[in-house]
Amino acid sequence: MLRSAIRPLAAVSRKPASSMFSTTPKRDMKILAILYDGGKAAEQEPRLLGTTENKLGLSEWLKSQGHEYIVSSDKEGPNSVFQKELKDAEVLITTPFHPGYLTKDLMDKAKNLKLCVTAGVGSDHIDLNAAVDNKVQVLEVTGSNVTSVAEHVVMSILLLVRNFVPAHEMIERGDWQVSEVARNAFDLEGKVVGTIGAGRIGYRVLQRLVPFGVKELLYYDYNPLPEHAAKEVGARRVEDLKDFVSQCDVVTVNTPLHEGTRGLINADLLKHFKKGAWLVNTARGAICDKDAVAQAVKSGHLNGYAGDVWNVQPAPKDHIWRTMKNPLGGGNGMVPHYSGTTLDAQARYANGVRSILENYFAGKPQDPANIIVGIGKYESKAYGQREDKQKTSHGFSKS
């Protein structure tokens, strides 16, 4: 089993750990969920479980269990539902797609908070050190989005390399000038593609790229793939990051966000990218310096940037990634954060949240693969040393 692409800073608990679970069933608690508004789409499609309208499909069940369940998308500022209701909530559920940012200050005020659950994968919206200190458990539904995100990565690579977006925009305008889009359209075959992080998602991306006949698949990871796993996809490890990016026509980011990866792709590293390379990031927006990336695209040093993650979510209307273009008028494949919240993924993470809550209510131990922070301590498997029981145990967690 593998670890995270880049080792996070070690955290030290300043309070003694207690037992991981209690045998006393829990009732009459306040459960707060911060989800995104689905609007008319959620009313028409009940499988949009991650919305405030459909409430992860948990509302009737939680009511029958005798719990108060508050669901809202209102999360900004001291007068928000998030901050007001958090003060006496015992359980917080949030998603990576519309996160309630749980800072140390907010956690210190939430005296009853015992459990934070990510409906999906990734807990960088939570101050994990504060969770350790306050003995607040942090869990996620591990593996719930790996296939969904890996597919999105491959789609994003193709739409950049094939110059798809400008071509489609041309059709919408009613124009038909093939040369304007073909001058910057390429085949993926024969290109060098590399992933920063070869974990559960990064490895699946490598698997899915094999049939395209790429020239070479590379990966950058502090821990090498098992020999059989690397051989299966024909991937070569490059140990120096600058050397790695200098060899790639396409770079995809598939590593968690922590202090070791925040701002990892910055102006200095971008200088080492091949001129005209493409960059795809479906991990976390803050792994990339937004202004440095935008400037690299504008100058043409990067031919394009695509992804669904932003350094702030929802992204401000004037966020530079919304409108950046390369010198030929393309190279932007940005979308809202939805790669891991397909209808299939929503069913998986909604079921996973219910399973976590059932264990918590009954005082049963949680699946170790889901635990990021136990009571008063980081779990050794928090950053990807977990088996992925869906398809392969080659990889590690993507945030």
Protein backbone atom coordinates (compact mmCIF):
# COMPACT_ATOMS: atom_id res chain seq x y z
CA MET A 1 0.00 0.00 0.00
CA LEU A 2 1.18 3.49 -0.85
CA ARG A 3 1.32 6.82 0.85
CA SER A 4 0.54 10.36 -0.20
CA ALA A 5 2.35 11.86 -3.14
CA ILE A 6 4.18 14.34 -0.95
CA ARG A 7 4.56 13.67 2.73
CA PRO A 8 2.47 16.05 4.92
CA LEU A 9 3.88 17.78 7.96
CA ALA A 10 3.70 15.58 11.02
CA ALA A 11 1.14 16.60 13.61
CA VAL A 12 1.58 16.03 17.30
CA SER A 13 -1.40 15.62 19.57
CA ARG A 14 -1.33 17.91 22.55
CA LYS A 15 -4.09 16.00 24.34
CA PRO A 16 -4.16 12.35 25.29
CA ALA A 17 -6.09 10.06 22.99
CA SER A 18 -9.14 8.22 24.27
CA SER A 19 -10.89 5.13 22.97
CA MET A 20 -12.07 5.25 19.37
CA PHE A 21 -15.69 4.42 20.11
CA SER A 22 -18.30 4.06 22.80
CA THR A 23 -20.75 1.22 23.29
CA THR A 24 -23.54 3.61 24.34
CA PRO A 25 -26.05 4.30 21.53
CA LYS A 26 -26.40 8.00 20.72
CA ARG A 27 -29.71 9.81 20.32
CA ASP A 28 -31.19 13.30 20.40
CA MET A 29 -28.22 15.06 18.80
CA LYS A 30 -27.97 17.97 16.41
CA ILE A 31 -26.52 17.09 13.02
CA LEU A 32 -25.56 19.97 10.71
CA ALA A 33 -24.99 19.46 6.99
CA ILE A 34 -23.56 22.12 4.68
CA LEU A 35 -24.46 21.13 1.12
CA TYR A 36 -24.91 22.95 -2.17
CA ASP A 37 -28.22 24.24 -3.52
CA GLY A 38 -29.54 22.16 -6.38
CA GLY A 39 -32.46 24.39 -7.28
CA LYS A 40 -34.84 23.20 -9.97
CA ALA A 41 -32.45 20.46 -11.04
CA ALA A 42 -32.55 18.88 -7.57
CA GLU A 43 -36.34 19.04 -7.50
CA GLN A 44 -36.51 17.26 -10.83
CA GLU A 45 -33.73 14.76 -10.10
CA PRO A 46 -33.91 13.12 -6.64
CA ARG A 47 -30.61 11.34 -7.29
CA LEU A 48 -28.87 14.70 -6.75
CA LEU A 49 -28.35 13.60 -3.17
CA GLY A 50 -25.58 16.07 -2.34
CA THR A 51 -27.96 19.04 -2.47
CA THR A 52 -29.80 20.94 0.23
CA GLU A 53 -33.08 19.82 -1.33
CA ASN A 54 -32.36 16.08 -1.18
CA LYS A 55 -30.23 16.17 1.99
CA LEU A 56 -28.06 13.13 1.19
CA GLY A 57 -31.23 11.05 1.43
CA LEU A 58 -30.84 11.06 5.23
CA SER A 59 -33.65 13.31 6.44
CA GLU A 60 -36.41 10.78 7.16
CA TRP A 61 -33.99 8.22 8.59
CA LEU A 62 -32.37 10.71 10.97
CA LYS A 63 -35.76 11.97 12.08
CA SER A 64 -36.83 8.40 12.81
CA GLN A 65 -33.69 8.00 14.93
CA GLY A 66 -34.69 10.99 17.04
CA HIS A 67 -32.05 13.42 15.79
CA GLU A 68 -32.30 17.04 14.68
CA TYR A 69 -31.02 17.43 11.12
CA ILE A 70 -30.26 20.92 9.84
CA VAL A 71 -29.28 21.32 6.19
CA SER A 72 -28.15 24.56 4.58
CA SER A 73 -25.86 26.06 1.96
CA ASP A 74 -25.42 29.26 4.00
CA LYS A 75 -21.81 29.10 5.20
CA GLU A 76 -20.15 32.51 5.02
CA GLY A 77 -19.77 34.85 7.98
CA PRO A 78 -20.72 34.87 11.66
CA ASN A 79 -24.44 35.17 10.92
CA SER A 80 -24.52 32.20 8.58
CA VAL A 81 -26.48 29.06 9.39
CA PHE A 82 -23.16 27.23 9.43
CA GLN A 83 -21.55 29.30 12.16
CA LYS A 84 -24.68 29.78 14.26
CA GLU A 85 -25.78 26.14 14.29
CA LEU A 86 -22.25 24.76 14.60
CA LYS A 87 -21.94 26.05 18.15
CA ASP A 88 -24.03 23.24 19.61
CA ALA A 89 -23.94 20.64 16.82
CA GLU A 90 -22.47 17.24 17.59
CA VAL A 91 -21.97 16.16 13.99
CA LEU A 92 -20.96 18.25 10.98
CA ILE A 93 -21.36 16.93 7.44
CA THR A 94 -20.00 18.89 4.52
CA THR A 95 -18.84 18.26 0.96
CA PRO A 96 -15.68 19.21 -0.94
CA PHE A 97 -17.92 20.83 -3.56
CA HIS A 98 -19.44 23.48 -1.27
CA PRO A 99 -17.28 23.23 1.85
CA GLY A 100 -17.99 24.71 5.22
CA TYR A 101 -14.50 25.85 6.23
CA LEU A 102 -13.99 24.66 9.79
CA THR A 103 -11.22 26.78 11.29
CA LYS A 104 -9.58 26.38 14.69
CA ASP A 105 -11.50 29.38 15.99
CA LEU A 106 -14.85 27.90 14.96
CA MET A 107 -13.95 24.49 16.32
CA ASP A 108 -12.91 25.95 19.68
CA LYS A 109 -16.38 27.51 19.98
CA ALA A 110 -18.19 24.31 18.97
CA LYS A 111 -18.06 22.67 22.40
CA ASN A 112 -20.40 19.80 21.49
CA LEU A 113 -18.75 18.89 18.18
CA LYS A 114 -17.54 15.30 18.13
CA LEU A 115 -17.61 14.18 14.49
CA CYS A 116 -16.92 15.77 11.09
CA VAL A 117 -17.84 13.79 8.00
CA THR A 118 -16.86 14.66 4.44
CA ALA A 119 -19.52 13.49 2.01
CA GLY A 120 -16.88 12.62 -0.54
CA VAL A 121 -13.09 12.67 -0.30
CA GLY A 122 -10.80 15.36 1.06
CA SER A 123 -10.75 17.16 4.39
CA ASP A 124 -8.58 20.22 3.71
CA HIS A 125 -11.57 22.43 4.60
CA ILE A 126 -11.06 21.30 8.21
CA ASP A 127 -8.22 22.37 10.50
CA LEU A 128 -7.02 18.87 11.26
CA ASN A 129 -4.59 19.94 13.98
CA ALA A 130 -7.47 21.65 15.78
CA ALA A 131 -9.53 18.47 15.38
CA VAL A 132 -6.75 16.50 17.07
CA ASP A 133 -6.54 19.01 19.92
CA ASN A 134 -10.31 19.14 20.40
CA LYS A 135 -10.74 15.35 20.11
CA VAL A 136 -13.05 15.74 17.10
CA GLN A 137 -13.08 12.77 14.76
CA VAL A 138 -12.76 13.51 11.04
CA LEU A 139 -13.92 10.92 8.52
CA GLU A 140 -14.48 10.77 4.78
CA VAL A 141 -16.10 8.30 2.41
CA THR A 142 -12.87 7.00 0.99
CA GLY A 143 -12.85 5.76 -2.58
CA SER A 144 -16.31 7.16 -3.32
CA ASN A 145 -15.12 9.42 -6.13
CA VAL A 146 -11.97 7.78 -7.52
CA THR A 147 -13.47 6.47 -10.76
CA SER A 148 -15.46 9.66 -11.33
CA VAL A 149 -12.44 11.94 -10.95
CA ALA A 150 -10.10 9.74 -12.99
CA GLU A 151 -12.55 9.84 -15.88
CA HIS A 152 -12.79 13.62 -15.58
CA VAL A 153 -8.99 13.90 -15.73
CA VAL A 154 -8.83 11.99 -19.00
CA MET A 155 -11.69 14.06 -20.43
CA SER A 156 -9.91 17.29 -19.44
CA ILE A 157 -6.65 16.17 -21.03
CA LEU A 158 -8.44 15.39 -24.28
CA LEU A 159 -10.39 18.63 -24.45
CA LEU A 160 -7.18 20.63 -23.98
CA VAL A 161 -5.02 18.66 -26.38
CA ARG A 162 -7.73 18.54 -29.06
CA ASN A 163 -8.56 22.27 -28.59
CA PHE A 164 -12.19 21.30 -28.05
CA VAL A 165 -13.55 24.34 -26.22
CA PRO A 166 -12.70 26.96 -28.90
CA ALA A 167 -14.07 24.60 -31.54
CA HIS A 168 -17.37 24.27 -29.71
CA GLU A 169 -17.57 28.01 -29.03
CA MET A 170 -17.08 28.59 -32.77
CA ILE A 171 -20.06 26.38 -33.55
CA GLU A 172 -22.19 28.21 -30.98
CA ARG A 173 -21.31 31.51 -32.68
CA GLY A 174 -22.43 30.12 -36.02
CA ASP A 175 -18.91 30.22 -37.49
CA TRP A 176 -17.00 27.56 -39.41
CA GLN A 177 -13.29 28.20 -39.76
CA VAL A 178 -11.53 24.87 -39.32
CA SER A 179 -8.04 26.35 -39.49
CA GLU A 180 -8.66 28.55 -36.44
CA VAL A 181 -9.05 25.52 -34.18
CA ALA A 182 -6.97 22.95 -36.05
CA ARG A 183 -3.83 25.12 -35.76
CA ASN A 184 -3.69 24.30 -32.05
CA ALA A 185 -5.20 20.79 -32.01
CA PHE A 186 -3.01 17.73 -31.44
CA ASP A 187 -3.23 13.98 -30.92
CA LEU A 188 -2.72 12.55 -27.46
CA GLU A 189 -0.94 9.61 -29.06
CA GLY A 190 2.81 10.05 -28.93
CA LYS A 191 2.75 12.51 -26.04
CA VAL A 192 4.45 12.16 -22.63
CA VAL A 193 1.91 12.31 -19.82
CA GLY A 194 2.78 12.47 -16.13
CA THR A 195 0.88 12.47 -12.86
CA ILE A 196 1.91 14.19 -9.66
CA GLY A 197 0.67 11.51 -7.28
CA ALA A 198 0.14 7.92 -8.41
CA GLY A 199 -2.45 6.96 -5.84
CA ARG A 200 -5.98 5.68 -6.19
CA ILE A 201 -6.93 8.39 -8.68
CA GLY A 202 -3.51 9.01 -10.24
CA TYR A 203 -3.03 5.30 -10.89
CA ARG A 204 -6.46 4.99 -12.47
CA VAL A 205 -5.59 7.89 -14.75
CA LEU A 206 -2.46 6.04 -15.84
CA GLN A 207 -4.51 2.90 -16.49
CA ARG A 208 -6.99 4.80 -18.64
CA LEU A 209 -4.27 6.47 -20.69
CA VAL A 210 -2.58 3.23 -21.77
CA PRO A 211 -4.93 2.58 -24.74
CA PHE A 212 -4.19 6.03 -26.22
CA GLY A 213 -0.71 4.98 -27.27
CA VAL A 214 1.09 7.77 -25.45
CA LYS A 215 4.84 7.93 -25.87
CA GLU A 216 5.47 7.46 -22.15
CA LEU A 217 3.68 7.57 -18.80
CA LEU A 218 5.59 9.17 -15.91
CA TYR A 219 4.79 9.67 -12.25
CA TYR A 220 6.19 11.78 -9.44
CA ASP A 221 5.63 10.37 -5.98
CA TYR A 222 7.86 10.14 -2.92
CA ASN A 223 6.92 6.48 -2.65
CA PRO A 224 7.40 4.26 -5.70
CA LEU A 225 4.64 2.09 -7.11
CA PRO A 226 4.99 -1.62 -6.47
CA GLU A 227 6.95 -3.15 -9.31
CA HIS A 228 3.98 -5.09 -10.68
CA ALA A 229 1.76 -2.00 -10.62
CA ALA A 230 4.29 0.15 -12.49
CA LYS A 231 4.83 -2.64 -15.01
CA GLU A 232 1.09 -3.02 -15.59
CA VAL A 233 0.82 0.53 -16.95
CA GLY A 234 4.41 0.94 -18.10
CA ALA A 235 4.96 3.97 -15.87
CA ARG A 236 8.38 5.38 -15.05
CA ARG A 237 9.05 7.22 -11.79
CA VAL A 238 10.91 10.55 -11.86
CA GLU A 239 12.17 11.55 -8.43
CA ASP A 240 12.92 15.25 -9.03
CA LEU A 241 9.84 17.41 -9.61
CA LYS A 242 11.52 19.93 -11.90
CA ASP A 243 12.99 17.14 -13.98
CA PHE A 244 9.57 15.47 -14.04
CA VAL A 245 7.64 18.47 -15.40
CA SER A 246 10.37 19.25 -17.94
CA GLN A 247 9.74 15.88 -19.60
CA CYS A 248 5.94 16.03 -19.76
CA ASP A 249 3.68 17.27 -22.53
CA VAL A 250 0.75 16.86 -20.12
CA VAL A 251 0.87 17.08 -16.31
CA THR A 252 -2.06 16.03 -14.14
CA VAL A 253 -2.25 16.75 -10.40
CA ASN A 254 -3.63 13.96 -8.20
CA THR A 255 -2.32 14.57 -4.70
CA PRO A 256 -3.93 15.80 -1.45
CA LEU A 257 -3.69 19.40 -0.33
CA HIS A 258 -1.60 19.93 2.79
CA GLU A 259 1.26 22.19 3.79
CA GLY A 260 3.66 20.20 1.64
CA THR A 261 1.60 20.69 -1.53
CA ARG A 262 0.02 24.12 -1.07
CA GLY A 263 1.37 26.36 -3.84
CA LEU A 264 3.45 23.48 -5.18
CA ILE A 265 2.94 24.57 -8.78
CA ASN A 266 4.22 28.12 -8.66
CA ALA A 267 6.02 30.56 -10.96
CA ASP A 268 9.39 28.94 -10.34
CA LEU A 269 8.22 25.41 -11.12
CA LEU A 270 6.26 26.57 -14.16
CA LYS A 271 9.51 27.81 -15.72
CA HIS A 272 10.59 24.17 -15.91
CA PHE A 273 7.50 23.00 -17.79
CA LYS A 274 7.86 22.36 -21.50
CA LYS A 275 6.75 25.38 -23.50
CA GLY A 276 3.26 24.58 -24.73
CA ALA A 277 2.53 21.88 -22.15
CA TRP A 278 -0.95 21.31 -20.75
CA LEU A 279 -1.80 21.17 -17.03
CA VAL A 280 -4.84 19.48 -15.46
CA ASN A 281 -5.73 19.82 -11.77
CA THR A 282 -8.70 17.97 -10.27
CA ALA A 283 -7.07 17.63 -6.83
CA ARG A 284 -7.31 21.00 -5.04
CA GLY A 285 -7.09 24.50 -6.47
CA ALA A 286 -4.64 25.77 -3.86
CA ILE A 287 -1.99 23.31 -5.04
CA CYS A 288 -1.51 25.74 -7.93
CA ASP A 289 -0.65 29.43 -7.64
CA LYS A 290 -3.65 30.92 -9.44
CA ASP A 291 -1.88 34.02 -10.74
CA ALA A 292 1.22 32.16 -11.85
CA VAL A 293 -0.89 29.63 -13.76
CA ALA A 294 -2.97 32.37 -15.38
CA GLN A 295 0.15 34.22 -16.47
CA ALA A 296 1.68 31.02 -17.87
CA VAL A 297 -1.47 30.39 -19.92
CA LYS A 298 -1.67 34.01 -21.08
CA SER A 299 1.94 33.96 -22.24
CA GLY A 300 1.55 30.60 -23.98
CA HIS A 301 4.16 28.89 -21.83
CA LEU A 302 1.27 26.67 -20.78
CA ASN A 303 -0.93 25.88 -23.77
CA GLY A 304 -3.81 25.28 -21.41
CA TYR A 305 -5.11 24.59 -17.92
CA ALA A 306 -8.17 22.55 -17.00
CA GLY A 307 -9.80 21.31 -13.85
CA ASP A 308 -12.75 21.67 -11.54
CA VAL A 309 -11.09 22.78 -8.30
CA TRP A 310 -10.54 26.37 -7.20
CA ASN A 311 -8.60 27.99 -4.37
CA VAL A 312 -11.91 29.38 -3.04
CA GLN A 313 -15.23 27.65 -3.62
CA PRO A 314 -17.57 28.85 -4.97
CA ALA A 315 -15.09 30.80 -7.09
CA PRO A 316 -15.65 34.58 -7.22
CA LYS A 317 -17.16 35.83 -10.46
CA ASP A 318 -13.98 37.73 -11.25
CA HIS A 319 -11.65 34.78 -10.60
CA ILE A 320 -8.91 34.91 -13.19
CA TRP A 321 -9.23 31.20 -14.02
CA ARG A 322 -12.73 31.79 -15.37
CA THR A 323 -11.53 33.84 -18.35
CA MET A 324 -7.82 33.15 -18.93
CA LYS A 325 -6.88 32.22 -22.50
CA ASN A 326 -3.74 31.27 -24.35
CA PRO A 327 -2.49 33.52 -27.19
CA LEU A 328 -4.61 31.58 -29.72
CA GLY A 329 -7.81 32.15 -27.76
CA GLY A 330 -8.19 28.76 -26.09
CA GLY A 331 -6.57 26.67 -23.39
CA ASN A 332 -9.22 27.05 -20.68
CA GLY A 333 -11.01 23.92 -19.51
CA MET A 334 -12.25 25.11 -16.12
CA VAL A 335 -15.61 23.96 -14.76
CA PRO A 336 -17.32 24.01 -11.34
CA HIS A 337 -16.16 21.43 -8.81
CA TYR A 338 -18.23 18.47 -9.95
CA SER A 339 -15.87 15.71 -11.11
CA GLY A 340 -16.41 13.73 -7.91
CA THR A 341 -20.13 14.37 -7.60
CA THR A 342 -21.63 12.51 -10.54
CA LEU A 343 -24.92 10.79 -9.76
CA ASP A 344 -23.02 7.54 -9.34
CA ALA A 345 -20.54 9.15 -6.94
CA GLN A 346 -23.35 10.81 -4.98
CA ALA A 347 -24.97 7.45 -4.37
CA ARG A 348 -21.65 6.11 -3.08
CA TYR A 349 -20.85 9.01 -0.76
CA ALA A 350 -24.42 9.31 0.54
CA ASN A 351 -24.43 5.61 1.44
CA GLY A 352 -20.99 6.03 2.99
CA VAL A 353 -22.13 8.92 5.18
CA ARG A 354 -25.08 6.88 6.41
CA SER A 355 -22.77 3.98 7.25
CA ILE A 356 -20.46 6.29 9.22
CA LEU A 357 -23.41 7.74 11.13
CA GLU A 358 -24.85 4.28 11.85
CA ASN A 359 -21.54 3.25 13.38
CA TYR A 360 -21.33 6.46 15.39
CA PHE A 361 -24.88 6.18 16.74
CA ALA A 362 -24.37 2.55 17.72
CA GLY A 363 -20.95 3.12 19.24
CA LYS A 364 -19.32 0.79 16.74
CA PRO A 365 -15.81 1.22 15.31
CA GLN A 366 -15.49 2.97 11.96
CA ASP A 367 -13.93 1.48 8.86
CA PRO A 368 -10.24 2.41 9.31
CA ALA A 369 -10.05 3.37 5.63
CA ASN A 370 -12.43 6.28 6.29
CA ILE A 371 -10.65 7.76 9.31
CA ILE A 372 -8.55 10.90 8.86
CA VAL A 373 -8.45 11.92 12.52
CA GLY A 374 -9.37 9.62 15.36
CA ILE A 375 -10.05 10.86 18.86
CA GLY A 376 -7.06 12.99 19.77
CA LYS A 377 -4.73 11.62 17.09
CA TYR A 378 -4.03 11.39 13.39
CA GLU A 379 -4.59 7.95 12.00
CA SER A 380 -1.57 6.39 10.30
CA LYS A 381 -3.70 5.76 7.22
CA ALA A 382 -4.95 9.33 6.93
CA TYR A 383 -2.89 10.23 3.89
CA GLY A 384 -3.48 7.29 1.67
CA GLN A 385 -1.94 4.22 3.23
CA ARG A 386 -5.36 2.68 2.77
CA GLU A 387 -6.38 -0.18 0.58
CA ASP A 388 -8.83 0.72 -2.11
CA LYS A 389 -11.28 -2.14 -2.04
CA GLN A 390 -13.03 -1.16 -5.26
CA LYS A 391 -10.52 -2.22 -7.89
CA THR A 392 -6.90 -2.07 -6.84
CA SER A 393 -4.68 -1.66 -3.83
CA HIS A 394 -1.97 0.03 -5.89
CA GLY A 395 -2.78 3.56 -4.89
CA PHE A 396 -3.36 6.09 -2.21
CA SER A 397 -5.78 8.82 -1.46
CA LYS A 398 -6.33 11.79 -3.62
CA SER A 399 -7.79 14.74 -1.68
